[in-house]
Amino acid sequence: MAGAEPGVAAAPPAEEPGSGSLCAAPLRLARLPLARVKALVKADPDVSLASQEAVFVLARATELFVETIAKDAYVYAQQGKRKTLQRKDLDNAIEAIDEFAFLEGEFLVGLILF
């Protein structure tokens, strides 16, 4: 290619939407179902309207939170030579990491059911 820097690979061409490629999955930025997140938001009596952007941000923040606490809890599962997370792994992560201090206390006993 003329004008390309040596040692730098060119980006693959962007596919057009609906091009018919069988292996191309639609770009999905949030893994949680946005309709369910919106329903949960609307279940709060203090919320009258929720924009799609707000629902998306809440869904994405929730995904990042769950990913972070799961990774931190997995460290404790590995210390116990296990690959499966248990409640005690989450409890250990909550106790050990200051970012999760808001989760400490008795109010979570009935909320998190495993």
PDB file of N, CA and C in Angstrom:
ATOM      1  N   MET A   1       0.844  -1.183   0.000  1.00  0.00           N
ATOM      2  CA  MET A   1       0.000   0.000   0.000  1.00  0.00           C
ATOM      3  C   MET A   1       0.879   1.233   0.000  1.00  0.00           C
ATOM      4  N   ALA A   2       0.555   2.167  -0.813  1.00  0.00           N
ATOM      5  CA  ALA A   2       1.309   3.399  -0.877  1.00  0.00           C
ATOM      6  C   ALA A   2       0.897   4.296   0.267  1.00  0.00           C
ATOM      7  N   GLY A   3       1.878   4.897   0.933  1.00  0.00           N
ATOM      8  CA  GLY A   3       1.590   5.844   2.002  1.00  0.00           C
ATOM      9  C   GLY A   3       1.381   5.207   3.357  1.00  0.00           C
ATOM     10  N   ALA A   4       1.383   3.876   3.436  1.00  0.00           N
ATOM     11  CA  ALA A   4       1.201   3.205   4.716  1.00  0.00           C
ATOM     12  C   ALA A   4       2.545   3.093   5.414  1.00  0.00           C
ATOM     13  N   GLU A   5       2.525   3.208   6.728  1.00  0.00           N
ATOM     14  CA  GLU A   5       3.745   3.091   7.504  1.00  0.00           C
ATOM     15  C   GLU A   5       4.176   1.629   7.525  1.00  0.00           C
ATOM     16  N   PRO A   6       5.480   1.384   7.417  1.00  0.00           N
ATOM     17  CA  PRO A   6       5.928  -0.007   7.481  1.00  0.00           C
ATOM     18  C   PRO A   6       5.698  -0.578   8.874  1.00  0.00           C
ATOM     19  N   GLY A   7       5.274  -1.818   8.937  1.00  0.00           N
ATOM     20  CA  GLY A   7       5.045  -2.485  10.208  1.00  0.00           C
ATOM     21  C   GLY A   7       3.697  -2.194  10.830  1.00  0.00           C
ATOM     22  N   VAL A   8       2.873  -1.380  10.183  1.00  0.00           N
ATOM     23  CA  VAL A   8       1.550  -1.052  10.712  1.00  0.00           C
ATOM     24  C   VAL A   8       0.508  -1.690   9.817  1.00  0.00           C
ATOM     25  N   ALA A   9      -0.306  -2.551  10.384  1.00  0.00           N
ATOM     26  CA  ALA A   9      -1.341  -3.223   9.602  1.00  0.00           C
ATOM     27  C   ALA A   9      -2.501  -2.275   9.356  1.00  0.00           C
ATOM     28  N   ALA A  10      -3.047  -2.369   8.183  1.00  0.00           N
ATOM     29  CA  ALA A  10      -4.203  -1.545   7.854  1.00  0.00           C
ATOM     30  C   ALA A  10      -5.433  -2.113   8.537  1.00  0.00           C
ATOM     31  N   ALA A  11      -6.341  -1.243   8.933  1.00  0.00           N
ATOM     32  CA  ALA A  11      -7.584  -1.672   9.567  1.00  0.00           C
ATOM     33  C   ALA A  11      -8.441  -2.385   8.541  1.00  0.00           C
ATOM     34  N   PRO A  12      -9.160  -3.434   8.973  1.00  0.00           N
ATOM     35  CA  PRO A  12     -10.038  -4.117   8.027  1.00  0.00           C
ATOM     36  C   PRO A  12     -11.151  -3.177   7.592  1.00  0.00           C
ATOM     37  N   PRO A  13     -11.639  -3.361   6.379  1.00  0.00           N
ATOM     38  CA  PRO A  13     -12.713  -2.484   5.915  1.00  0.00           C
ATOM     39  C   PRO A  13     -13.968  -2.663   6.755  1.00  0.00           C
ATOM     40  N   ALA A  14     -14.637  -1.557   7.006  1.00  0.00           N
ATOM     41  CA  ALA A  14     -15.868  -1.595   7.797  1.00  0.00           C
ATOM     42  C   ALA A  14     -16.971  -2.249   6.976  1.00  0.00           C
ATOM     43  N   GLU A  15     -17.738  -3.107   7.634  1.00  0.00           N
ATOM     44  CA  GLU A  15     -18.841  -3.773   6.937  1.00  0.00           C
ATOM     45  C   GLU A  15     -20.073  -2.893   6.973  1.00  0.00           C
ATOM     46  N   GLU A  16     -20.776  -2.920   5.889  1.00  0.00           N
ATOM     47  CA  GLU A  16     -22.028  -2.185   5.806  1.00  0.00           C
ATOM     48  C   GLU A  16     -23.101  -2.929   6.583  1.00  0.00           C
ATOM     49  N   PRO A  17     -23.997  -2.209   7.296  1.00  0.00           N
ATOM     50  CA  PRO A  17     -25.102  -2.894   7.973  1.00  0.00           C
ATOM     51  C   PRO A  17     -25.951  -3.640   6.961  1.00  0.00           C
ATOM     52  N   GLY A  18     -26.307  -4.870   7.303  1.00  0.00           N
ATOM     53  CA  GLY A  18     -27.141  -5.664   6.418  1.00  0.00           C
ATOM     54  C   GLY A  18     -26.392  -6.231   5.234  1.00  0.00           C
ATOM     55  N   SER A  19     -25.051  -6.329   5.354  1.00  0.00           N
ATOM     56  CA  SER A  19     -24.274  -6.818   4.223  1.00  0.00           C
ATOM     57  C   SER A  19     -24.428  -8.322   4.022  1.00  0.00           C
ATOM     58  N   GLY A  20     -25.052  -9.001   4.987  1.00  0.00           N
ATOM     59  CA  GLY A  20     -25.313 -10.414   4.826  1.00  0.00           C
ATOM     60  C   GLY A  20     -24.215 -11.311   5.355  1.00  0.00           C
ATOM     61  N   SER A  21     -23.243 -10.773   6.025  1.00  0.00           N
ATOM     62  CA  SER A  21     -22.177 -11.593   6.582  1.00  0.00           C
ATOM     63  C   SER A  21     -22.743 -12.450   7.705  1.00  0.00           C
ATOM     64  N   LEU A  22     -22.508 -13.755   7.642  1.00  0.00           N
ATOM     65  CA  LEU A  22     -23.067 -14.675   8.624  1.00  0.00           C
ATOM     66  C   LEU A  22     -22.355 -14.593   9.963  1.00  0.00           C
ATOM     67  N   CYS A  23     -21.059 -14.264   9.969  1.00  0.00           N
ATOM     68  CA  CYS A  23     -20.318 -14.266  11.222  1.00  0.00           C
ATOM     69  C   CYS A  23     -20.337 -12.903  11.910  1.00  0.00           C
ATOM     70  N   ALA A  24     -20.875 -11.888  11.295  1.00  0.00           N
ATOM     71  CA  ALA A  24     -20.910 -10.568  11.905  1.00  0.00           C
ATOM     72  C   ALA A  24     -22.132 -10.452  12.809  1.00  0.00           C
ATOM     73  N   ALA A  25     -21.883 -10.321  14.101  1.00  0.00           N
ATOM     74  CA  ALA A  25     -22.979 -10.149  15.050  1.00  0.00           C
ATOM     75  C   ALA A  25     -23.287  -8.664  15.161  1.00  0.00           C
ATOM     76  N   PRO A  26     -24.522  -8.321  15.459  1.00  0.00           N
ATOM     77  CA  PRO A  26     -24.849  -6.907  15.614  1.00  0.00           C
ATOM     78  C   PRO A  26     -24.107  -6.333  16.818  1.00  0.00           C
ATOM     79  N   LEU A  27     -23.650  -5.104  16.684  1.00  0.00           N
ATOM     80  CA  LEU A  27     -22.922  -4.451  17.758  1.00  0.00           C
ATOM     81  C   LEU A  27     -23.872  -4.178  18.912  1.00  0.00           C
ATOM     82  N   ARG A  28     -23.566  -4.773  20.057  1.00  0.00           N
ATOM     83  CA  ARG A  28     -24.414  -4.603  21.227  1.00  0.00           C
ATOM     84  C   ARG A  28     -23.551  -4.027  22.336  1.00  0.00           C
ATOM     85  N   LEU A  29     -23.861  -2.813  22.744  1.00  0.00           N
ATOM     86  CA  LEU A  29     -23.033  -2.124  23.717  1.00  0.00           C
ATOM     87  C   LEU A  29     -23.379  -2.498  25.147  1.00  0.00           C
ATOM     88  N   ALA A  30     -24.589  -2.927  25.390  1.00  0.00           N
ATOM     89  CA  ALA A  30     -25.006  -3.324  26.731  1.00  0.00           C
ATOM     90  C   ALA A  30     -25.462  -4.775  26.687  1.00  0.00           C
ATOM     91  N   ARG A  31     -25.074  -5.539  27.694  1.00  0.00           N
ATOM     92  CA  ARG A  31     -25.453  -6.952  27.741  1.00  0.00           C
ATOM     93  C   ARG A  31     -26.770  -7.154  28.481  1.00  0.00           C
ATOM     94  N   LEU A  32     -27.088  -6.258  29.406  1.00  0.00           N
ATOM     95  CA  LEU A  32     -28.355  -6.373  30.121  1.00  0.00           C
ATOM     96  C   LEU A  32     -29.491  -5.912  29.204  1.00  0.00           C
ATOM     97  N   PRO A  33     -30.635  -6.545  29.297  1.00  0.00           N
ATOM     98  CA  PRO A  33     -31.759  -6.106  28.459  1.00  0.00           C
ATOM     99  C   PRO A  33     -32.262  -4.733  28.901  1.00  0.00           C
ATOM    100  N   LEU A  34     -32.177  -3.776  28.000  1.00  0.00           N
ATOM    101  CA  LEU A  34     -32.519  -2.396  28.337  1.00  0.00           C
ATOM    102  C   LEU A  34     -33.995  -2.242  28.716  1.00  0.00           C
ATOM    103  N   ALA A  35     -34.862  -3.057  28.142  1.00  0.00           N
ATOM    104  CA  ALA A  35     -36.287  -2.971  28.493  1.00  0.00           C
ATOM    105  C   ALA A  35     -36.497  -3.345  29.965  1.00  0.00           C
ATOM    106  N   ARG A  36     -35.755  -4.345  30.434  1.00  0.00           N
ATOM    107  CA  ARG A  36     -35.873  -4.751  31.846  1.00  0.00           C
ATOM    108  C   ARG A  36     -35.302  -3.683  32.763  1.00  0.00           C
ATOM    109  N   VAL A  37     -34.186  -3.098  32.358  1.00  0.00           N
ATOM    110  CA  VAL A  37     -33.586  -2.035  33.170  1.00  0.00           C
ATOM    111  C   VAL A  37     -34.560  -0.860  33.258  1.00  0.00           C
ATOM    112  N   LYS A  38     -35.165  -0.510  32.137  1.00  0.00           N
ATOM    113  CA  LYS A  38     -36.134   0.593  32.131  1.00  0.00           C
ATOM    114  C   LYS A  38     -37.332   0.263  33.022  1.00  0.00           C
ATOM    115  N   ALA A  39     -37.787  -0.982  33.001  1.00  0.00           N
ATOM    116  CA  ALA A  39     -38.905  -1.380  33.855  1.00  0.00           C
ATOM    117  C   ALA A  39     -38.531  -1.256  35.327  1.00  0.00           C
ATOM    118  N   LEU A  40     -37.302  -1.626  35.672  1.00  0.00           N
ATOM    119  CA  LEU A  40     -36.846  -1.478  37.058  1.00  0.00           C
ATOM    120  C   LEU A  40     -36.762  -0.011  37.460  1.00  0.00           C
ATOM    121  N   VAL A  41     -36.287   0.821  36.560  1.00  0.00           N
ATOM    122  CA  VAL A  41     -36.209   2.256  36.848  1.00  0.00           C
ATOM    123  C   VAL A  41     -37.600   2.823  37.053  1.00  0.00           C
ATOM    124  N   LYS A  42     -38.525   2.456  36.194  1.00  0.00           N
ATOM    125  CA  LYS A  42     -39.897   2.976  36.295  1.00  0.00           C
ATOM    126  C   LYS A  42     -40.646   2.422  37.496  1.00  0.00           C
ATOM    127  N   ALA A  43     -40.165   1.327  38.072  1.00  0.00           N
ATOM    128  CA  ALA A  43     -40.801   0.767  39.265  1.00  0.00           C
ATOM    129  C   ALA A  43     -40.576   1.668  40.483  1.00  0.00           C
ATOM    130  N   ASP A  44     -39.587   2.539  40.408  1.00  0.00           N
ATOM    131  CA  ASP A  44     -39.336   3.491  41.493  1.00  0.00           C
ATOM    132  C   ASP A  44     -40.388   4.598  41.413  1.00  0.00           C
ATOM    133  N   PRO A  45     -41.163   4.810  42.485  1.00  0.00           N
ATOM    134  CA  PRO A  45     -42.218   5.824  42.437  1.00  0.00           C
ATOM    135  C   PRO A  45     -41.677   7.247  42.295  1.00  0.00           C
ATOM    136  N   ASP A  46     -40.393   7.457  42.602  1.00  0.00           N
ATOM    137  CA  ASP A  46     -39.805   8.796  42.470  1.00  0.00           C
ATOM    138  C   ASP A  46     -39.400   9.120  41.038  1.00  0.00           C
ATOM    139  N   VAL A  47     -39.429   8.139  40.154  1.00  0.00           N
ATOM    140  CA  VAL A  47     -39.002   8.345  38.767  1.00  0.00           C
ATOM    141  C   VAL A  47     -40.242   8.398  37.885  1.00  0.00           C
ATOM    142  N   SER A  48     -40.378   9.507  37.153  1.00  0.00           N
ATOM    143  CA  SER A  48     -41.517   9.609  36.242  1.00  0.00           C
ATOM    144  C   SER A  48     -41.099   9.333  34.802  1.00  0.00           C
ATOM    145  N   LEU A  49     -39.933   9.807  34.398  1.00  0.00           N
ATOM    146  CA  LEU A  49     -39.433   9.586  33.045  1.00  0.00           C
ATOM    147  C   LEU A  49     -37.981   9.135  33.110  1.00  0.00           C
ATOM    148  N   ALA A  50     -37.596   8.293  32.177  1.00  0.00           N
ATOM    149  CA  ALA A  50     -36.205   7.864  32.064  1.00  0.00           C
ATOM    150  C   ALA A  50     -35.849   7.804  30.586  1.00  0.00           C
ATOM    151  N   SER A  51     -34.867   8.583  30.181  1.00  0.00           N
ATOM    152  CA  SER A  51     -34.454   8.593  28.780  1.00  0.00           C
ATOM    153  C   SER A  51     -33.708   7.309  28.447  1.00  0.00           C
ATOM    154  N   GLN A  52     -33.630   6.998  27.169  1.00  0.00           N
ATOM    155  CA  GLN A  52     -32.897   5.816  26.735  1.00  0.00           C
ATOM    156  C   GLN A  52     -31.425   5.921  27.116  1.00  0.00           C
ATOM    157  N   GLU A  53     -30.886   7.158  27.052  1.00  0.00           N
ATOM    158  CA  GLU A  53     -29.488   7.346  27.421  1.00  0.00           C
ATOM    159  C   GLU A  53     -29.265   7.031  28.895  1.00  0.00           C
ATOM    160  N   ALA A  54     -30.183   7.468  29.752  1.00  0.00           N
ATOM    161  CA  ALA A  54     -30.067   7.201  31.184  1.00  0.00           C
ATOM    162  C   ALA A  54     -30.181   5.708  31.469  1.00  0.00           C
ATOM    163  N   VAL A  55     -31.085   5.050  30.787  1.00  0.00           N
ATOM    164  CA  VAL A  55     -31.260   3.614  30.963  1.00  0.00           C
ATOM    165  C   VAL A  55     -29.997   2.884  30.508  1.00  0.00           C
ATOM    166  N   PHE A  56     -29.428   3.303  29.388  1.00  0.00           N
ATOM    167  CA  PHE A  56     -28.204   2.680  28.894  1.00  0.00           C
ATOM    168  C   PHE A  56     -27.058   2.870  29.880  1.00  0.00           C
ATOM    169  N   VAL A  57     -26.900   4.074  30.407  1.00  0.00           N
ATOM    170  CA  VAL A  57     -25.814   4.345  31.357  1.00  0.00           C
ATOM    171  C   VAL A  57     -25.991   3.504  32.617  1.00  0.00           C
ATOM    172  N   LEU A  58     -27.213   3.389  33.113  1.00  0.00           N
ATOM    173  CA  LEU A  58     -27.460   2.545  34.284  1.00  0.00           C
ATOM    174  C   LEU A  58     -27.135   1.081  33.997  1.00  0.00           C
ATOM    175  N   ALA A  59     -27.523   0.596  32.829  1.00  0.00           N
ATOM    176  CA  ALA A  59     -27.253  -0.796  32.459  1.00  0.00           C
ATOM    177  C   ALA A  59     -25.756  -1.029  32.351  1.00  0.00           C
ATOM    178  N   ARG A  60     -25.061  -0.121  31.714  1.00  0.00           N
ATOM    179  CA  ARG A  60     -23.612  -0.284  31.538  1.00  0.00           C
ATOM    180  C   ARG A  60     -22.881  -0.194  32.879  1.00  0.00           C
ATOM    181  N   ALA A  61     -23.283   0.739  33.727  1.00  0.00           N
ATOM    182  CA  ALA A  61     -22.666   0.863  35.052  1.00  0.00           C
ATOM    183  C   ALA A  61     -22.900  -0.399  35.877  1.00  0.00           C
ATOM    184  N   THR A  62     -24.077  -0.972  35.769  1.00  0.00           N
ATOM    185  CA  THR A  62     -24.384  -2.204  36.488  1.00  0.00           C
ATOM    186  C   THR A  62     -23.503  -3.343  35.990  1.00  0.00           C
ATOM    187  N   GLU A  63     -23.342  -3.435  34.681  1.00  0.00           N
ATOM    188  CA  GLU A  63     -22.482  -4.474  34.117  1.00  0.00           C
ATOM    189  C   GLU A  63     -21.047  -4.328  34.618  1.00  0.00           C
ATOM    190  N   LEU A  64     -20.531  -3.116  34.618  1.00  0.00           N
ATOM    191  CA  LEU A  64     -19.165  -2.881  35.081  1.00  0.00           C
ATOM    192  C   LEU A  64     -19.015  -3.202  36.564  1.00  0.00           C
ATOM    193  N   PHE A  65     -20.030  -2.857  37.355  1.00  0.00           N
ATOM    194  CA  PHE A  65     -19.999  -3.162  38.782  1.00  0.00           C
ATOM    195  C   PHE A  65     -19.977  -4.667  39.012  1.00  0.00           C
ATOM    196  N   VAL A  66     -20.864  -5.388  38.334  1.00  0.00           N
ATOM    197  CA  VAL A  66     -20.934  -6.840  38.509  1.00  0.00           C
ATOM    198  C   VAL A  66     -19.625  -7.481  38.046  1.00  0.00           C
ATOM    199  N   GLU A  67     -19.082  -7.006  36.944  1.00  0.00           N
ATOM    200  CA  GLU A  67     -17.805  -7.541  36.451  1.00  0.00           C
ATOM    201  C   GLU A  67     -16.683  -7.307  37.462  1.00  0.00           C
ATOM    202  N   THR A  68     -16.629  -6.119  38.030  1.00  0.00           N
ATOM    203  CA  THR A  68     -15.577  -5.785  38.986  1.00  0.00           C
ATOM    204  C   THR A  68     -15.680  -6.624  40.248  1.00  0.00           C
ATOM    205  N   ILE A  69     -16.855  -6.708  40.828  1.00  0.00           N
ATOM    206  CA  ILE A  69     -16.990  -7.460  42.077  1.00  0.00           C
ATOM    207  C   ILE A  69     -16.795  -8.957  41.824  1.00  0.00           C
ATOM    208  N   ALA A  70     -17.193  -9.436  40.653  1.00  0.00           N
ATOM    209  CA  ALA A  70     -16.996 -10.855  40.337  1.00  0.00           C
ATOM    210  C   ALA A  70     -15.515 -11.174  40.183  1.00  0.00           C
ATOM    211  N   LYS A  71     -14.770 -10.300  39.523  1.00  0.00           N
ATOM    212  CA  LYS A  71     -13.328 -10.522  39.369  1.00  0.00           C
ATOM    213  C   LYS A  71     -12.628 -10.499  40.723  1.00  0.00           C
ATOM    214  N   ASP A  72     -13.012  -9.558  41.570  1.00  0.00           N
ATOM    215  CA  ASP A  72     -12.399  -9.475  42.893  1.00  0.00           C
ATOM    216  C   ASP A  72     -12.770 -10.682  43.752  1.00  0.00           C
ATOM    217  N   ALA A  73     -13.993 -11.140  43.647  1.00  0.00           N
ATOM    218  CA  ALA A  73     -14.418 -12.314  44.411  1.00  0.00           C
ATOM    219  C   ALA A  73     -13.760 -13.579  43.873  1.00  0.00           C
ATOM    220  N   TYR A  74     -13.487 -13.623  42.586  1.00  0.00           N
ATOM    221  CA  TYR A  74     -12.854 -14.793  41.985  1.00  0.00           C
ATOM    222  C   TYR A  74     -11.451 -15.020  42.545  1.00  0.00           C
ATOM    223  N   VAL A  75     -10.785 -13.943  42.917  1.00  0.00           N
ATOM    224  CA  VAL A  75      -9.467 -14.067  43.540  1.00  0.00           C
ATOM    225  C   VAL A  75      -9.577 -14.911  44.813  1.00  0.00           C
ATOM    226  N   TYR A  76     -10.612 -14.666  45.588  1.00  0.00           N
ATOM    227  CA  TYR A  76     -10.817 -15.433  46.818  1.00  0.00           C
ATOM    228  C   TYR A  76     -11.211 -16.883  46.520  1.00  0.00           C
ATOM    229  N   ALA A  77     -11.940 -17.101  45.442  1.00  0.00           N
ATOM    230  CA  ALA A  77     -12.274 -18.473  45.052  1.00  0.00           C
ATOM    231  C   ALA A  77     -11.007 -19.220  44.642  1.00  0.00           C
ATOM    232  N   GLN A  78     -10.122 -18.541  43.924  1.00  0.00           N
ATOM    233  CA  GLN A  78      -8.871 -19.167  43.521  1.00  0.00           C
ATOM    234  C   GLN A  78      -7.999 -19.500  44.730  1.00  0.00           C
ATOM    235  N   GLN A  79      -8.021 -18.640  45.734  1.00  0.00           N
ATOM    236  CA  GLN A  79      -7.254 -18.920  46.950  1.00  0.00           C
ATOM    237  C   GLN A  79      -7.768 -20.189  47.621  1.00  0.00           C
ATOM    238  N   GLY A  80      -9.049 -20.455  47.489  1.00  0.00           N
ATOM    239  CA  GLY A  80      -9.642 -21.678  48.020  1.00  0.00           C
ATOM    240  C   GLY A  80      -9.584 -22.827  47.032  1.00  0.00           C
ATOM    241  N   LYS A  81      -8.812 -22.633  45.946  1.00  0.00           N
ATOM    242  CA  LYS A  81      -8.634 -23.658  44.905  1.00  0.00           C
ATOM    243  C   LYS A  81      -9.960 -24.085  44.287  1.00  0.00           C
ATOM    244  N   ARG A  82     -10.823 -23.101  44.050  1.00  0.00           N
ATOM    245  CA  ARG A  82     -12.120 -23.349  43.416  1.00  0.00           C
ATOM    246  C   ARG A  82     -12.247 -22.465  42.193  1.00  0.00           C
ATOM    247  N   LYS A  83     -13.085 -22.879  41.265  1.00  0.00           N
ATOM    248  CA  LYS A  83     -13.378 -22.066  40.090  1.00  0.00           C
ATOM    249  C   LYS A  83     -14.775 -21.453  40.163  1.00  0.00           C
ATOM    250  N   THR A  84     -15.566 -21.904  41.117  1.00  0.00           N
ATOM    251  CA  THR A  84     -16.935 -21.430  41.261  1.00  0.00           C
ATOM    252  C   THR A  84     -17.011 -20.434  42.408  1.00  0.00           C
ATOM    253  N   LEU A  85     -17.624 -19.286  42.133  1.00  0.00           N
ATOM    254  CA  LEU A  85     -17.801 -18.285  43.180  1.00  0.00           C
ATOM    255  C   LEU A  85     -18.846 -18.748  44.178  1.00  0.00           C
ATOM    256  N   GLN A  86     -18.567 -18.490  45.433  1.00  0.00           N
ATOM    257  CA  GLN A  86     -19.525 -18.758  46.490  1.00  0.00           C
ATOM    258  C   GLN A  86     -19.811 -17.454  47.223  1.00  0.00           C
ATOM    259  N   ARG A  87     -20.855 -17.476  48.014  1.00  0.00           N
ATOM    260  CA  ARG A  87     -21.250 -16.298  48.780  1.00  0.00           C
ATOM    261  C   ARG A  87     -20.093 -15.785  49.632  1.00  0.00           C
ATOM    262  N   LYS A  88     -19.325 -16.702  50.218  1.00  0.00           N
ATOM    263  CA  LYS A  88     -18.216 -16.286  51.083  1.00  0.00           C
ATOM    264  C   LYS A  88     -17.142 -15.536  50.290  1.00  0.00           C
ATOM    265  N   ASP A  89     -16.990 -15.833  49.004  1.00  0.00           N
ATOM    266  CA  ASP A  89     -16.023 -15.113  48.174  1.00  0.00           C
ATOM    267  C   ASP A  89     -16.458 -13.666  47.980  1.00  0.00           C
ATOM    268  N   LEU A  90     -17.749 -13.484  47.738  1.00  0.00           N
ATOM    269  CA  LEU A  90     -18.283 -12.122  47.621  1.00  0.00           C
ATOM    270  C   LEU A  90     -18.158 -11.382  48.949  1.00  0.00           C
ATOM    271  N   ASP A  91     -18.472 -12.066  50.039  1.00  0.00           N
ATOM    272  CA  ASP A  91     -18.349 -11.447  51.363  1.00  0.00           C
ATOM    273  C   ASP A  91     -16.910 -11.026  51.637  1.00  0.00           C
ATOM    274  N   ASN A  92     -15.952 -11.882  51.288  1.00  0.00           N
ATOM    275  CA  ASN A  92     -14.541 -11.558  51.492  1.00  0.00           C
ATOM    276  C   ASN A  92     -14.114 -10.357  50.657  1.00  0.00           C
ATOM    277  N   ALA A  93     -14.565 -10.298  49.414  1.00  0.00           N
ATOM    278  CA  ALA A  93     -14.233  -9.162  48.550  1.00  0.00           C
ATOM    279  C   ALA A  93     -14.841  -7.877  49.100  1.00  0.00           C
ATOM    280  N   ILE A  94     -16.069  -7.953  49.584  1.00  0.00           N
ATOM    281  CA  ILE A  94     -16.736  -6.765  50.139  1.00  0.00           C
ATOM    282  C   ILE A  94     -16.004  -6.267  51.376  1.00  0.00           C
ATOM    283  N   GLU A  95     -15.566  -7.192  52.214  1.00  0.00           N
ATOM    284  CA  GLU A  95     -14.851  -6.808  53.429  1.00  0.00           C
ATOM    285  C   GLU A  95     -13.464  -6.256  53.138  1.00  0.00           C
ATOM    286  N   ALA A  96     -12.784  -6.807  52.138  1.00  0.00           N
ATOM    287  CA  ALA A  96     -11.386  -6.463  51.898  1.00  0.00           C
ATOM    288  C   ALA A  96     -11.200  -5.205  51.048  1.00  0.00           C
ATOM    289  N   ILE A  97     -12.150  -4.880  50.204  1.00  0.00           N
ATOM    290  CA  ILE A  97     -11.964  -3.792  49.247  1.00  0.00           C
ATOM    291  C   ILE A  97     -12.823  -2.601  49.657  1.00  0.00           C
ATOM    292  N   ASP A  98     -12.153  -1.466  49.850  1.00  0.00           N
ATOM    293  CA  ASP A  98     -12.826  -0.261  50.340  1.00  0.00           C
ATOM    294  C   ASP A  98     -13.931   0.228  49.408  1.00  0.00           C
ATOM    295  N   GLU A  99     -13.781   0.010  48.109  1.00  0.00           N
ATOM    296  CA  GLU A  99     -14.790   0.465  47.146  1.00  0.00           C
ATOM    297  C   GLU A  99     -16.148  -0.195  47.383  1.00  0.00           C
ATOM    298  N   PHE A 100     -16.151  -1.360  48.031  1.00  0.00           N
ATOM    299  CA  PHE A 100     -17.389  -2.091  48.269  1.00  0.00           C
ATOM    300  C   PHE A 100     -17.910  -1.895  49.694  1.00  0.00           C
ATOM    301  N   ALA A 101     -17.375  -0.924  50.412  1.00  0.00           N
ATOM    302  CA  ALA A 101     -17.770  -0.712  51.810  1.00  0.00           C
ATOM    303  C   ALA A 101     -19.264  -0.422  51.934  1.00  0.00           C
ATOM    304  N   PHE A 102     -19.852   0.188  50.930  1.00  0.00           N
ATOM    305  CA  PHE A 102     -21.288   0.500  50.994  1.00  0.00           C
ATOM    306  C   PHE A 102     -22.153  -0.758  50.996  1.00  0.00           C
ATOM    307  N   LEU A 103     -21.563  -1.904  50.650  1.00  0.00           N
ATOM    308  CA  LEU A 103     -22.307  -3.158  50.640  1.00  0.00           C
ATOM    309  C   LEU A 103     -22.261  -3.892  51.973  1.00  0.00           C
ATOM    310  N   GLU A 104     -21.435  -3.415  52.891  1.00  0.00           N
ATOM    311  CA  GLU A 104     -21.306  -4.085  54.180  1.00  0.00           C
ATOM    312  C   GLU A 104     -22.549  -3.850  55.019  1.00  0.00           C
ATOM    313  N   GLY A 105     -22.871  -4.819  55.858  1.00  0.00           N
ATOM    314  CA  GLY A 105     -23.983  -4.649  56.775  1.00  0.00           C
ATOM    315  C   GLY A 105     -25.025  -5.731  56.634  1.00  0.00           C
ATOM    316  N   GLU A 106     -25.975  -5.659  57.528  1.00  0.00           N
ATOM    317  CA  GLU A 106     -27.024  -6.666  57.609  1.00  0.00           C
ATOM    318  C   GLU A 106     -28.110  -6.511  56.549  1.00  0.00           C
ATOM    319  N   PHE A 107     -28.227  -5.347  55.944  1.00  0.00           N
ATOM    320  CA  PHE A 107     -29.333  -5.135  55.014  1.00  0.00           C
ATOM    321  C   PHE A 107     -29.221  -6.007  53.764  1.00  0.00           C
ATOM    322  N   LEU A 108     -28.060  -6.545  53.457  1.00  0.00           N
ATOM    323  CA  LEU A 108     -27.895  -7.369  52.270  1.00  0.00           C
ATOM    324  C   LEU A 108     -28.251  -8.832  52.500  1.00  0.00           C
ATOM    325  N   VAL A 109     -28.449  -9.229  53.734  1.00  0.00           N
ATOM    326  CA  VAL A 109     -28.704 -10.632  54.035  1.00  0.00           C
ATOM    327  C   VAL A 109     -29.901 -11.155  53.244  1.00  0.00           C
ATOM    328  N   GLY A 110     -30.964 -10.404  53.191  1.00  0.00           N
ATOM    329  CA  GLY A 110     -32.162 -10.848  52.482  1.00  0.00           C
ATOM    330  C   GLY A 110     -32.162 -10.486  51.016  1.00  0.00           C
ATOM    331  N   LEU A 111     -31.281  -9.576  50.579  1.00  0.00           N
ATOM    332  CA  LEU A 111     -31.291  -9.135  49.195  1.00  0.00           C
ATOM    333  C   LEU A 111     -30.549 -10.081  48.260  1.00  0.00           C
ATOM    334  N   ILE A 112     -29.451 -10.636  48.715  1.00  0.00           N
ATOM    335  CA  ILE A 112     -28.650 -11.492  47.860  1.00  0.00           C
ATOM    336  C   ILE A 112     -28.949 -12.946  48.232  1.00  0.00           C
ATOM    337  N   LEU A 113     -29.604 -13.606  47.334  1.00  0.00           N
ATOM    338  CA  LEU A 113     -29.956 -15.012  47.571  1.00  0.00           C
ATOM    339  C   LEU A 113     -29.182 -15.881  46.592  1.00  0.00           C
ATOM    340  N   PHE A 114     -28.449 -16.820  47.109  1.00  0.00           N
ATOM    341  CA  PHE A 114     -27.690 -17.731  46.258  1.00  0.00           C
ATOM    342  C   PHE A 114     -28.242 -19.108  46.373  1.00  0.00           C
TER     343      PHE A 114
END
